[in-house]
Each structure stands twice: as C-alpha cells, then as structure tokens.
Amino acid sequence: MCYKLIHDYQKGTDYKSTTKAYTVAMKHYILDAYNIMHKRAEWMDLFAISPDLAREAFIQTVSALTQKYPSFHISIVFDGPSMRVRYQPKTMSIHFCATRQIADEIVKDIIARDEHQRMCVVVSSDNEILKYARVHSCTLLTAQEFLYELDNMKLQSSVKTGASHFDESGEKPSHTSKREMDEWKRIFGT
C-alpha cells in the first residue's frame, strides 16, 4: 500500500492506526533517505550547514522522478525530526522517524503493507533492509546504483530488452543481471 500523508513517527506512536493508505498497482520506490544522501558529497556538505536544506534538496532531486514518471509512487523515509516540506508531489509520501531503528522498521512496514510487493523498488545500502526486501520479492537497488541511475534519469538499461528500472510499465526486467547471478551463485555455492 502507498501512504498519502506526511508522517512524523515518534517512539510510542501507533503510526499504523493513524496512517491512511490506498491500494494501487504502480511502481513504488521506497527510499532509505539518509542512506542515499550519505553517498553524495554535495548533500552532506549542505547537511553540515542545515539538515533541513539538505533534506529539501534531496526531496527536490527525487521529485524529478515523479515529473518524468507520474505513475510512480515514491516513499521517502528520513530518520530524524520532521520538517516543513515546501514541495511534495501527490505521488510522493515523506516519513520522519525519531531513530534509525524506527526508520528501518518503517521501511519494512511499508514493504509488508504493500499489496504489490513485486512492484516495489527498495533503495538502501543497509543489508538488513535489502535482505528483508529480497524476501518480499522487491527489486533491490543500492544507494550508489540509484544515484547513478537518477543522474542518468534511466536505471541501468538492459542490453537484451532496453528496459530500465524506471520503465513505466512497472514490469521487472525480463533477464537476470550479473549481480543477481553472482548472488544466486553465492547462495547456492556454485
């Protein structure tokens, strides 16, 4: 399910009972925001000056996806205090959490509550989150992969199909990537 409201998750708050959700079959990007932001020097330099300005710059950059691909939904999870967001497209939800532990749980909850988990693209370099997303059949991207693809406004074009993660059809690529093959080989010891 995709969340439509900005949420401020505080320890002890029952966010599940206060969250309004709706069911849609669209590609759903779930972003572990600080995990991504820490991979780009310009956001970290801005963060040192003002965390709110850095978060706003991140939101604005990511909102370019909603303009180019209006059928996508994007959930951004920040671990930290809430802030006033100046611009938020209607297909974007922004979540603020009091601690890192709660932020990880919110990402997992968003995945678990989505009725179309195969349409979810989870972006994080946090191994625990990626493992959870993998078990729920989500597409996985590291923060570095997402930034590379965001910079090019196309996510890793496939040689076979010409498809990318930003393909509006919402379908996963029809092939197995080298990274996925390496992961399967590691798991099955071949």
N, C-alpha and C. Protein backbone atom coordinates (compact mmCIF):
# COMPACT_ATOMS: atom_id res chain seq x y z
N MET A 1 0.84 -1.18 0.00
CA MET A 1 0.00 0.00 0.00
C MET A 1 0.88 1.24 0.00
N CYS A 2 0.42 2.27 -0.59
CA CYS A 2 1.16 3.51 -0.68
C CYS A 2 0.54 4.52 0.28
N TYR A 3 1.38 5.18 1.04
CA TYR A 3 0.90 6.13 2.02
C TYR A 3 0.78 7.52 1.40
N LYS A 4 -0.30 8.23 1.69
CA LYS A 4 -0.56 9.53 1.08
C LYS A 4 -0.21 10.71 1.98
N LEU A 5 0.10 10.50 3.22
CA LEU A 5 0.31 11.60 4.14
C LEU A 5 1.77 11.69 4.56
N ILE A 6 2.19 12.89 4.99
CA ILE A 6 3.50 13.03 5.62
C ILE A 6 3.32 12.56 7.06
N HIS A 7 4.21 11.71 7.52
CA HIS A 7 4.10 11.18 8.88
C HIS A 7 5.32 11.53 9.69
N ASP A 8 5.09 11.79 10.94
CA ASP A 8 6.16 12.03 11.89
C ASP A 8 6.06 10.90 12.91
N TYR A 9 6.93 9.90 12.80
CA TYR A 9 6.87 8.74 13.68
C TYR A 9 7.69 9.02 14.93
N GLN A 10 7.08 8.96 16.05
CA GLN A 10 7.76 9.14 17.31
C GLN A 10 7.67 7.85 18.10
N LYS A 11 8.62 7.61 18.94
CA LYS A 11 8.61 6.40 19.75
C LYS A 11 7.31 6.35 20.54
N GLY A 12 6.65 5.21 20.47
CA GLY A 12 5.41 5.04 21.21
C GLY A 12 4.17 5.42 20.42
N THR A 13 4.32 6.01 19.24
CA THR A 13 3.17 6.39 18.43
C THR A 13 2.69 5.18 17.64
N ASP A 14 1.39 4.97 17.62
CA ASP A 14 0.83 3.88 16.85
C ASP A 14 0.57 4.40 15.44
N TYR A 15 1.62 4.42 14.61
CA TYR A 15 1.50 5.01 13.28
C TYR A 15 0.61 4.19 12.37
N LYS A 16 0.48 2.88 12.62
CA LYS A 16 -0.35 2.04 11.76
C LYS A 16 -1.82 2.42 11.85
N SER A 17 -2.27 2.81 13.04
CA SER A 17 -3.68 3.15 13.20
C SER A 17 -3.99 4.55 12.67
N THR A 18 -2.97 5.40 12.55
CA THR A 18 -3.22 6.77 12.08
C THR A 18 -2.87 6.96 10.62
N THR A 19 -2.30 5.94 10.00
CA THR A 19 -1.89 6.04 8.61
C THR A 19 -3.04 5.68 7.69
N LYS A 20 -3.35 6.57 6.76
CA LYS A 20 -4.35 6.27 5.75
C LYS A 20 -3.60 5.73 4.55
N ALA A 21 -4.07 4.65 3.99
CA ALA A 21 -3.38 4.04 2.88
C ALA A 21 -4.38 3.71 1.78
N TYR A 22 -3.88 3.56 0.58
CA TYR A 22 -4.72 3.15 -0.52
C TYR A 22 -3.96 2.12 -1.35
N THR A 23 -4.69 1.32 -2.07
CA THR A 23 -4.09 0.27 -2.84
C THR A 23 -4.07 0.67 -4.31
N VAL A 24 -2.91 0.59 -4.90
CA VAL A 24 -2.76 0.88 -6.32
C VAL A 24 -1.70 -0.06 -6.89
N ALA A 25 -1.80 -0.35 -8.16
CA ALA A 25 -0.79 -1.18 -8.82
C ALA A 25 0.11 -0.25 -9.62
N MET A 26 1.10 0.32 -8.96
CA MET A 26 2.07 1.17 -9.62
C MET A 26 3.44 0.86 -9.06
N LYS A 27 4.46 1.21 -9.81
CA LYS A 27 5.82 1.03 -9.31
C LYS A 27 5.99 1.93 -8.09
N HIS A 28 6.51 1.36 -7.03
CA HIS A 28 6.62 2.06 -5.75
C HIS A 28 8.08 2.04 -5.30
N TYR A 29 8.71 3.19 -5.33
CA TYR A 29 10.08 3.35 -4.85
C TYR A 29 10.05 3.66 -3.36
N ILE A 30 10.80 2.90 -2.58
CA ILE A 30 10.91 3.11 -1.13
C ILE A 30 12.37 3.47 -0.86
N LEU A 31 12.59 4.72 -0.44
CA LEU A 31 13.94 5.25 -0.32
C LEU A 31 14.36 5.41 1.14
N ASP A 32 15.48 4.82 1.48
CA ASP A 32 16.13 5.00 2.77
C ASP A 32 16.97 6.27 2.63
N ALA A 33 16.35 7.42 2.93
CA ALA A 33 16.86 8.73 2.52
C ALA A 33 18.30 9.02 2.97
N TYR A 34 18.58 8.93 4.26
CA TYR A 34 19.93 9.29 4.71
C TYR A 34 20.97 8.33 4.17
N ASN A 35 20.59 7.09 3.99
CA ASN A 35 21.50 6.12 3.41
C ASN A 35 21.91 6.57 2.01
N ILE A 36 20.99 7.11 1.25
CA ILE A 36 21.27 7.63 -0.09
C ILE A 36 22.02 8.95 -0.01
N MET A 37 21.57 9.84 0.86
CA MET A 37 22.19 11.16 0.97
C MET A 37 23.66 11.08 1.34
N HIS A 38 24.04 10.12 2.17
CA HIS A 38 25.42 9.99 2.61
C HIS A 38 26.36 9.58 1.48
N LYS A 39 25.81 9.19 0.35
CA LYS A 39 26.63 8.77 -0.79
C LYS A 39 26.95 9.93 -1.73
N ARG A 40 26.40 11.10 -1.45
CA ARG A 40 26.62 12.25 -2.33
C ARG A 40 27.19 13.40 -1.50
N ALA A 41 28.40 13.84 -1.85
CA ALA A 41 29.12 14.86 -1.09
C ALA A 41 28.36 16.18 -1.01
N GLU A 42 27.70 16.60 -2.09
CA GLU A 42 27.00 17.89 -2.07
C GLU A 42 25.88 17.92 -1.03
N TRP A 43 25.17 16.79 -0.85
CA TRP A 43 24.11 16.75 0.17
C TRP A 43 24.72 16.75 1.57
N MET A 44 25.85 16.07 1.73
CA MET A 44 26.47 16.03 3.05
C MET A 44 27.08 17.39 3.41
N ASP A 45 27.63 18.10 2.43
CA ASP A 45 28.14 19.46 2.68
C ASP A 45 26.99 20.37 3.09
N LEU A 46 25.88 20.26 2.41
CA LEU A 46 24.70 21.06 2.73
C LEU A 46 24.13 20.66 4.10
N PHE A 47 24.19 19.35 4.40
CA PHE A 47 23.70 18.85 5.68
C PHE A 47 24.48 19.45 6.84
N ALA A 48 25.79 19.66 6.65
CA ALA A 48 26.62 20.26 7.70
C ALA A 48 26.18 21.69 7.98
N ILE A 49 25.67 22.38 6.98
CA ILE A 49 25.18 23.74 7.14
C ILE A 49 23.77 23.76 7.71
N SER A 50 22.89 22.95 7.10
CA SER A 50 21.49 22.90 7.52
C SER A 50 20.88 21.57 7.10
N PRO A 51 20.55 20.71 8.07
CA PRO A 51 19.91 19.44 7.72
C PRO A 51 18.60 19.63 6.94
N ASP A 52 17.84 20.66 7.28
CA ASP A 52 16.58 20.90 6.56
C ASP A 52 16.83 21.23 5.09
N LEU A 53 17.85 22.06 4.81
CA LEU A 53 18.17 22.39 3.42
C LEU A 53 18.64 21.15 2.65
N ALA A 54 19.41 20.30 3.29
CA ALA A 54 19.87 19.07 2.64
C ALA A 54 18.70 18.15 2.33
N ARG A 55 17.78 18.00 3.29
CA ARG A 55 16.60 17.15 3.05
C ARG A 55 15.75 17.73 1.93
N GLU A 56 15.57 19.05 1.94
CA GLU A 56 14.78 19.70 0.89
C GLU A 56 15.43 19.50 -0.48
N ALA A 57 16.75 19.62 -0.56
CA ALA A 57 17.45 19.40 -1.83
C ALA A 57 17.27 17.96 -2.31
N PHE A 58 17.33 17.03 -1.37
CA PHE A 58 17.13 15.61 -1.71
C PHE A 58 15.71 15.40 -2.25
N ILE A 59 14.72 15.93 -1.55
CA ILE A 59 13.32 15.78 -1.97
C ILE A 59 13.12 16.37 -3.36
N GLN A 60 13.68 17.54 -3.61
CA GLN A 60 13.53 18.19 -4.91
C GLN A 60 14.17 17.35 -6.02
N THR A 61 15.34 16.80 -5.75
CA THR A 61 16.02 15.96 -6.74
C THR A 61 15.19 14.73 -7.07
N VAL A 62 14.70 14.07 -6.03
CA VAL A 62 13.90 12.86 -6.23
C VAL A 62 12.55 13.18 -6.88
N SER A 63 12.01 14.35 -6.62
CA SER A 63 10.72 14.69 -7.20
C SER A 63 10.77 14.77 -8.73
N ALA A 64 11.98 14.89 -9.28
CA ALA A 64 12.13 14.87 -10.74
C ALA A 64 11.60 13.55 -11.31
N LEU A 65 11.72 12.48 -10.54
CA LEU A 65 11.17 11.19 -10.97
C LEU A 65 9.66 11.26 -11.14
N THR A 66 8.99 11.93 -10.21
CA THR A 66 7.53 11.99 -10.29
C THR A 66 7.07 12.83 -11.47
N GLN A 67 7.90 13.77 -11.88
CA GLN A 67 7.55 14.58 -13.06
C GLN A 67 7.75 13.78 -14.34
N LYS A 68 8.85 13.04 -14.41
CA LYS A 68 9.13 12.26 -15.61
C LYS A 68 8.28 10.99 -15.66
N TYR A 69 8.00 10.40 -14.51
CA TYR A 69 7.23 9.15 -14.42
C TYR A 69 6.06 9.34 -13.45
N PRO A 70 4.99 9.99 -13.88
CA PRO A 70 3.89 10.31 -12.96
C PRO A 70 3.14 9.09 -12.42
N SER A 71 3.33 7.93 -13.01
CA SER A 71 2.64 6.75 -12.49
C SER A 71 3.40 6.10 -11.33
N PHE A 72 4.59 6.58 -11.02
CA PHE A 72 5.36 6.03 -9.91
C PHE A 72 4.89 6.63 -8.59
N HIS A 73 5.00 5.86 -7.52
CA HIS A 73 4.82 6.39 -6.18
C HIS A 73 6.17 6.29 -5.48
N ILE A 74 6.54 7.31 -4.72
CA ILE A 74 7.81 7.32 -4.02
C ILE A 74 7.57 7.56 -2.54
N SER A 75 8.07 6.67 -1.71
CA SER A 75 8.04 6.83 -0.26
C SER A 75 9.46 7.12 0.20
N ILE A 76 9.64 8.24 0.88
CA ILE A 76 10.95 8.63 1.39
C ILE A 76 10.91 8.53 2.91
N VAL A 77 11.86 7.81 3.48
CA VAL A 77 11.92 7.65 4.93
C VAL A 77 13.19 8.31 5.46
N PHE A 78 13.01 9.32 6.32
CA PHE A 78 14.11 10.02 6.98
C PHE A 78 14.13 9.59 8.44
N ASP A 79 15.31 9.29 8.97
CA ASP A 79 15.41 9.10 10.41
C ASP A 79 15.90 10.42 10.98
N GLY A 80 15.02 11.08 11.67
CA GLY A 80 15.32 12.39 12.23
C GLY A 80 14.04 13.18 12.42
N PRO A 81 14.16 14.35 13.01
CA PRO A 81 12.96 15.15 13.30
C PRO A 81 12.28 15.62 12.02
N SER A 82 10.98 15.83 12.12
CA SER A 82 10.23 16.27 10.95
C SER A 82 10.56 17.71 10.61
N MET A 83 10.22 18.08 9.40
CA MET A 83 10.44 19.43 8.91
C MET A 83 9.28 19.81 8.01
N ARG A 84 9.15 21.06 7.77
CA ARG A 84 8.12 21.53 6.83
C ARG A 84 8.65 21.29 5.42
N VAL A 85 7.85 20.62 4.62
CA VAL A 85 8.25 20.32 3.25
C VAL A 85 7.57 21.32 2.33
N ARG A 86 8.37 22.03 1.54
CA ARG A 86 7.83 23.08 0.67
C ARG A 86 7.10 22.52 -0.53
N TYR A 87 7.64 21.46 -1.11
CA TYR A 87 7.04 20.90 -2.32
C TYR A 87 6.98 19.39 -2.19
N GLN A 88 5.80 18.86 -2.37
CA GLN A 88 5.63 17.41 -2.32
C GLN A 88 4.61 17.00 -3.37
N PRO A 89 5.06 16.32 -4.42
CA PRO A 89 4.11 15.83 -5.42
C PRO A 89 3.10 14.88 -4.78
N LYS A 90 1.92 14.79 -5.38
CA LYS A 90 0.89 13.94 -4.78
C LYS A 90 1.25 12.46 -4.81
N THR A 91 2.19 12.06 -5.64
CA THR A 91 2.60 10.65 -5.69
C THR A 91 3.84 10.38 -4.83
N MET A 92 4.12 11.28 -3.90
CA MET A 92 5.27 11.12 -3.01
C MET A 92 4.79 11.21 -1.56
N SER A 93 5.26 10.29 -0.73
CA SER A 93 4.99 10.38 0.70
C SER A 93 6.32 10.48 1.43
N ILE A 94 6.32 11.28 2.47
CA ILE A 94 7.55 11.54 3.22
C ILE A 94 7.30 11.17 4.67
N HIS A 95 8.21 10.36 5.22
CA HIS A 95 8.08 9.85 6.58
C HIS A 95 9.29 10.26 7.39
N PHE A 96 9.06 10.77 8.60
CA PHE A 96 10.13 11.15 9.51
C PHE A 96 10.04 10.26 10.74
N CYS A 97 11.19 9.82 11.23
CA CYS A 97 11.24 8.90 12.37
C CYS A 97 12.22 9.43 13.41
N ALA A 98 11.96 9.10 14.64
CA ALA A 98 12.79 9.60 15.74
C ALA A 98 14.17 8.95 15.77
N THR A 99 14.27 7.69 15.41
CA THR A 99 15.56 6.99 15.48
C THR A 99 15.79 6.12 14.25
N ARG A 100 17.04 5.71 14.07
CA ARG A 100 17.41 4.84 12.94
C ARG A 100 16.68 3.52 13.02
N GLN A 101 16.57 2.96 14.22
CA GLN A 101 15.89 1.68 14.38
C GLN A 101 14.44 1.79 13.92
N ILE A 102 13.77 2.87 14.29
CA ILE A 102 12.39 3.05 13.89
C ILE A 102 12.31 3.26 12.37
N ALA A 103 13.27 3.97 11.79
CA ALA A 103 13.27 4.19 10.34
C ALA A 103 13.34 2.86 9.60
N ASP A 104 14.20 1.97 10.04
CA ASP A 104 14.29 0.65 9.40
C ASP A 104 12.96 -0.09 9.51
N GLU A 105 12.34 0.00 10.66
CA GLU A 105 11.04 -0.66 10.85
C GLU A 105 9.96 -0.05 9.96
N ILE A 106 10.01 1.25 9.75
CA ILE A 106 9.03 1.91 8.88
C ILE A 106 9.22 1.44 7.44
N VAL A 107 10.47 1.35 6.98
CA VAL A 107 10.73 0.85 5.63
C VAL A 107 10.17 -0.56 5.50
N LYS A 108 10.45 -1.41 6.47
CA LYS A 108 9.95 -2.79 6.44
C LYS A 108 8.42 -2.82 6.46
N ASP A 109 7.82 -1.95 7.26
CA ASP A 109 6.35 -1.91 7.33
C ASP A 109 5.74 -1.46 6.01
N ILE A 110 6.34 -0.49 5.36
CA ILE A 110 5.84 -0.04 4.06
C ILE A 110 5.88 -1.19 3.06
N ILE A 111 6.98 -1.95 3.08
CA ILE A 111 7.09 -3.12 2.20
C ILE A 111 6.01 -4.14 2.55
N ALA A 112 5.89 -4.48 3.82
CA ALA A 112 4.95 -5.52 4.25
C ALA A 112 3.50 -5.17 3.93
N ARG A 113 3.16 -3.90 4.02
CA ARG A 113 1.77 -3.48 3.82
C ARG A 113 1.42 -3.24 2.36
N ASP A 114 2.42 -3.25 1.48
CA ASP A 114 2.15 -3.03 0.06
C ASP A 114 1.57 -4.31 -0.54
N GLU A 115 0.43 -4.23 -1.15
CA GLU A 115 -0.21 -5.41 -1.73
C GLU A 115 0.45 -5.85 -3.02
N HIS A 116 1.31 -5.04 -3.58
CA HIS A 116 2.01 -5.35 -4.83
C HIS A 116 3.51 -5.28 -4.60
N GLN A 117 4.02 -6.15 -3.74
CA GLN A 117 5.42 -6.08 -3.33
C GLN A 117 6.38 -6.26 -4.51
N ARG A 118 5.97 -6.98 -5.52
CA ARG A 118 6.84 -7.15 -6.70
C ARG A 118 7.00 -5.84 -7.47
N MET A 119 6.15 -4.87 -7.20
CA MET A 119 6.23 -3.56 -7.85
C MET A 119 7.10 -2.60 -7.04
N CYS A 120 7.55 -3.03 -5.86
CA CYS A 120 8.38 -2.17 -5.00
C CYS A 120 9.84 -2.22 -5.42
N VAL A 121 10.46 -1.06 -5.42
CA VAL A 121 11.89 -0.94 -5.64
C VAL A 121 12.46 -0.31 -4.37
N VAL A 122 13.21 -1.09 -3.62
CA VAL A 122 13.75 -0.64 -2.34
C VAL A 122 15.17 -0.16 -2.56
N VAL A 123 15.43 1.09 -2.15
CA VAL A 123 16.74 1.69 -2.35
C VAL A 123 17.38 1.94 -0.99
N SER A 124 18.46 1.20 -0.74
CA SER A 124 19.19 1.32 0.51
C SER A 124 20.52 0.59 0.34
N SER A 125 21.46 0.91 1.18
CA SER A 125 22.68 0.11 1.25
C SER A 125 22.75 -0.62 2.58
N ASP A 126 21.66 -0.56 3.33
CA ASP A 126 21.54 -1.24 4.62
C ASP A 126 21.22 -2.72 4.34
N ASN A 127 22.13 -3.59 4.72
CA ASN A 127 21.97 -5.02 4.43
C ASN A 127 20.71 -5.62 5.03
N GLU A 128 20.34 -5.19 6.22
CA GLU A 128 19.13 -5.74 6.85
C GLU A 128 17.88 -5.38 6.03
N ILE A 129 17.80 -4.14 5.58
CA ILE A 129 16.65 -3.72 4.77
C ILE A 129 16.65 -4.45 3.44
N LEU A 130 17.81 -4.56 2.79
CA LEU A 130 17.88 -5.25 1.50
C LEU A 130 17.51 -6.72 1.63
N LYS A 131 17.94 -7.35 2.71
CA LYS A 131 17.58 -8.76 2.95
C LYS A 131 16.07 -8.91 3.11
N TYR A 132 15.47 -8.02 3.88
CA TYR A 132 14.02 -8.05 4.10
C TYR A 132 13.28 -7.84 2.77
N ALA A 133 13.74 -6.87 1.99
CA ALA A 133 13.11 -6.58 0.70
C ALA A 133 13.24 -7.77 -0.26
N ARG A 134 14.39 -8.41 -0.25
CA ARG A 134 14.61 -9.57 -1.13
C ARG A 134 13.62 -10.68 -0.80
N VAL A 135 13.42 -10.94 0.49
CA VAL A 135 12.48 -11.98 0.92
C VAL A 135 11.06 -11.67 0.45
N HIS A 136 10.73 -10.38 0.31
CA HIS A 136 9.40 -9.97 -0.11
C HIS A 136 9.30 -9.69 -1.61
N SER A 137 10.26 -10.20 -2.38
CA SER A 137 10.25 -10.14 -3.85
C SER A 137 10.32 -8.73 -4.42
N CYS A 138 10.90 -7.82 -3.68
CA CYS A 138 11.07 -6.45 -4.17
C CYS A 138 12.32 -6.38 -5.06
N THR A 139 12.35 -5.40 -5.94
CA THR A 139 13.56 -5.10 -6.69
C THR A 139 14.48 -4.33 -5.75
N LEU A 140 15.77 -4.63 -5.79
CA LEU A 140 16.73 -4.01 -4.88
C LEU A 140 17.70 -3.12 -5.65
N LEU A 141 17.96 -1.96 -5.08
CA LEU A 141 19.00 -1.07 -5.60
C LEU A 141 19.80 -0.55 -4.42
N THR A 142 21.11 -0.52 -4.56
CA THR A 142 21.91 0.13 -3.54
C THR A 142 21.78 1.64 -3.74
N ALA A 143 22.20 2.39 -2.76
CA ALA A 143 22.15 3.85 -2.86
C ALA A 143 22.99 4.32 -4.05
N GLN A 144 24.16 3.73 -4.24
CA GLN A 144 25.03 4.12 -5.34
C GLN A 144 24.37 3.85 -6.69
N GLU A 145 23.74 2.69 -6.84
CA GLU A 145 23.06 2.36 -8.10
C GLU A 145 21.93 3.34 -8.39
N PHE A 146 21.16 3.65 -7.36
CA PHE A 146 20.05 4.58 -7.54
C PHE A 146 20.55 5.96 -7.96
N LEU A 147 21.60 6.44 -7.31
CA LEU A 147 22.14 7.76 -7.67
C LEU A 147 22.69 7.78 -9.09
N TYR A 148 23.37 6.72 -9.47
CA TYR A 148 23.88 6.64 -10.83
C TYR A 148 22.73 6.71 -11.83
N GLU A 149 21.71 5.95 -11.55
CA GLU A 149 20.58 5.88 -12.46
C GLU A 149 19.73 7.15 -12.40
N LEU A 150 19.63 7.74 -11.25
CA LEU A 150 18.91 9.01 -11.13
C LEU A 150 19.63 10.10 -11.92
N ASP A 151 20.93 10.11 -11.82
CA ASP A 151 21.73 11.09 -12.57
C ASP A 151 21.51 10.95 -14.07
N ASN A 152 21.34 9.74 -14.53
CA ASN A 152 21.13 9.49 -15.95
C ASN A 152 19.65 9.46 -16.32
N MET A 153 18.77 9.56 -15.33
CA MET A 153 17.32 9.53 -15.49
C MET A 153 16.85 8.29 -16.25
N LYS A 154 17.66 7.26 -16.15
CA LYS A 154 17.27 5.96 -16.64
C LYS A 154 18.02 4.97 -15.76
N LEU A 155 17.39 3.93 -15.35
CA LEU A 155 18.06 2.99 -14.46
C LEU A 155 18.54 1.77 -15.25
N GLN A 156 19.85 1.63 -15.30
CA GLN A 156 20.55 0.51 -15.91
C GLN A 156 19.81 -0.13 -17.06
N SER A 157 19.91 0.47 -18.22
CA SER A 157 19.28 -0.09 -19.41
C SER A 157 19.76 -1.51 -19.64
N SER A 158 18.83 -2.34 -20.00
CA SER A 158 19.14 -3.73 -20.26
C SER A 158 19.60 -3.88 -21.71
N VAL A 159 20.65 -4.64 -21.91
CA VAL A 159 21.14 -4.89 -23.26
C VAL A 159 20.10 -5.71 -24.04
N LYS A 160 19.46 -6.66 -23.36
CA LYS A 160 18.50 -7.53 -24.05
C LYS A 160 17.20 -6.82 -24.40
N THR A 161 16.63 -6.08 -23.44
CA THR A 161 15.29 -5.56 -23.64
C THR A 161 15.22 -4.06 -23.80
N GLY A 162 16.28 -3.36 -23.44
CA GLY A 162 16.21 -1.91 -23.45
C GLY A 162 15.40 -1.38 -22.28
N ALA A 163 14.97 -2.26 -21.37
CA ALA A 163 14.16 -1.85 -20.22
C ALA A 163 15.06 -1.25 -19.15
N SER A 164 14.46 -0.48 -18.27
CA SER A 164 15.19 0.07 -17.14
C SER A 164 14.31 -0.02 -15.91
N HIS A 165 14.89 0.23 -14.75
CA HIS A 165 14.09 0.23 -13.53
C HIS A 165 13.05 1.34 -13.57
N PHE A 166 13.29 2.38 -14.33
CA PHE A 166 12.34 3.48 -14.44
C PHE A 166 11.35 3.25 -15.58
N ASP A 167 11.22 2.02 -16.03
CA ASP A 167 10.27 1.69 -17.08
C ASP A 167 8.86 1.83 -16.53
N GLU A 168 8.03 2.66 -17.16
CA GLU A 168 6.70 2.95 -16.64
C GLU A 168 5.76 1.75 -16.65
N SER A 169 6.09 0.71 -17.38
CA SER A 169 5.20 -0.44 -17.41
C SER A 169 5.14 -1.10 -16.05
N GLY A 170 6.15 -0.83 -15.20
CA GLY A 170 6.16 -1.42 -13.87
C GLY A 170 6.67 -2.84 -13.87
N GLU A 171 7.00 -3.38 -15.03
CA GLU A 171 7.48 -4.75 -15.12
C GLU A 171 8.95 -4.80 -14.75
N LYS A 172 9.34 -5.90 -14.15
CA LYS A 172 10.75 -6.11 -13.88
C LYS A 172 11.44 -6.48 -15.18
N PRO A 173 12.74 -6.23 -15.28
CA PRO A 173 13.45 -6.66 -16.48
C PRO A 173 13.27 -8.16 -16.68
N SER A 174 13.26 -8.60 -17.93
CA SER A 174 12.98 -9.99 -18.25
C SER A 174 14.22 -10.88 -18.15
N HIS A 175 15.33 -10.33 -17.73
CA HIS A 175 16.56 -11.10 -17.62
C HIS A 175 17.10 -11.02 -16.20
N THR A 176 18.09 -11.84 -15.93
CA THR A 176 18.76 -11.81 -14.64
C THR A 176 20.07 -11.05 -14.81
N SER A 177 20.29 -10.05 -13.96
CA SER A 177 21.50 -9.25 -14.06
C SER A 177 22.71 -10.05 -13.56
N LYS A 178 23.89 -9.57 -13.90
CA LYS A 178 25.12 -10.21 -13.44
C LYS A 178 25.17 -10.21 -11.92
N ARG A 179 24.76 -9.10 -11.30
CA ARG A 179 24.76 -9.02 -9.84
C ARG A 179 23.83 -10.07 -9.23
N GLU A 180 22.65 -10.24 -9.84
CA GLU A 180 21.71 -11.25 -9.34
C GLU A 180 22.27 -12.66 -9.52
N MET A 181 22.91 -12.91 -10.67
CA MET A 181 23.52 -14.22 -10.91
C MET A 181 24.62 -14.50 -9.88
N ASP A 182 25.46 -13.50 -9.61
CA ASP A 182 26.51 -13.66 -8.62
C ASP A 182 25.93 -13.97 -7.25
N GLU A 183 24.81 -13.31 -6.91
CA GLU A 183 24.14 -13.55 -5.63
C GLU A 183 23.61 -14.98 -5.55
N TRP A 184 22.99 -15.46 -6.63
CA TRP A 184 22.47 -16.84 -6.65
C TRP A 184 23.63 -17.84 -6.54
N LYS A 185 24.72 -17.57 -7.22
CA LYS A 185 25.88 -18.46 -7.14
C LYS A 185 26.42 -18.51 -5.72
N ARG A 186 26.45 -17.33 -5.06
CA ARG A 186 26.94 -17.28 -3.68
C ARG A 186 26.01 -18.07 -2.76
N ILE A 187 24.70 -17.91 -2.94
CA ILE A 187 23.72 -18.58 -2.07
C ILE A 187 23.78 -20.09 -2.24
N PHE A 188 23.86 -20.54 -3.51
CA PHE A 188 23.80 -21.97 -3.77
C PHE A 188 25.17 -22.63 -3.91
N GLY A 189 26.23 -21.83 -3.70
CA GLY A 189 27.57 -22.37 -3.66
C GLY A 189 28.05 -22.98 -4.97
N THR A 190 27.64 -22.38 -6.08
CA THR A 190 28.10 -22.92 -7.36
C THR A 190 29.18 -22.08 -7.95
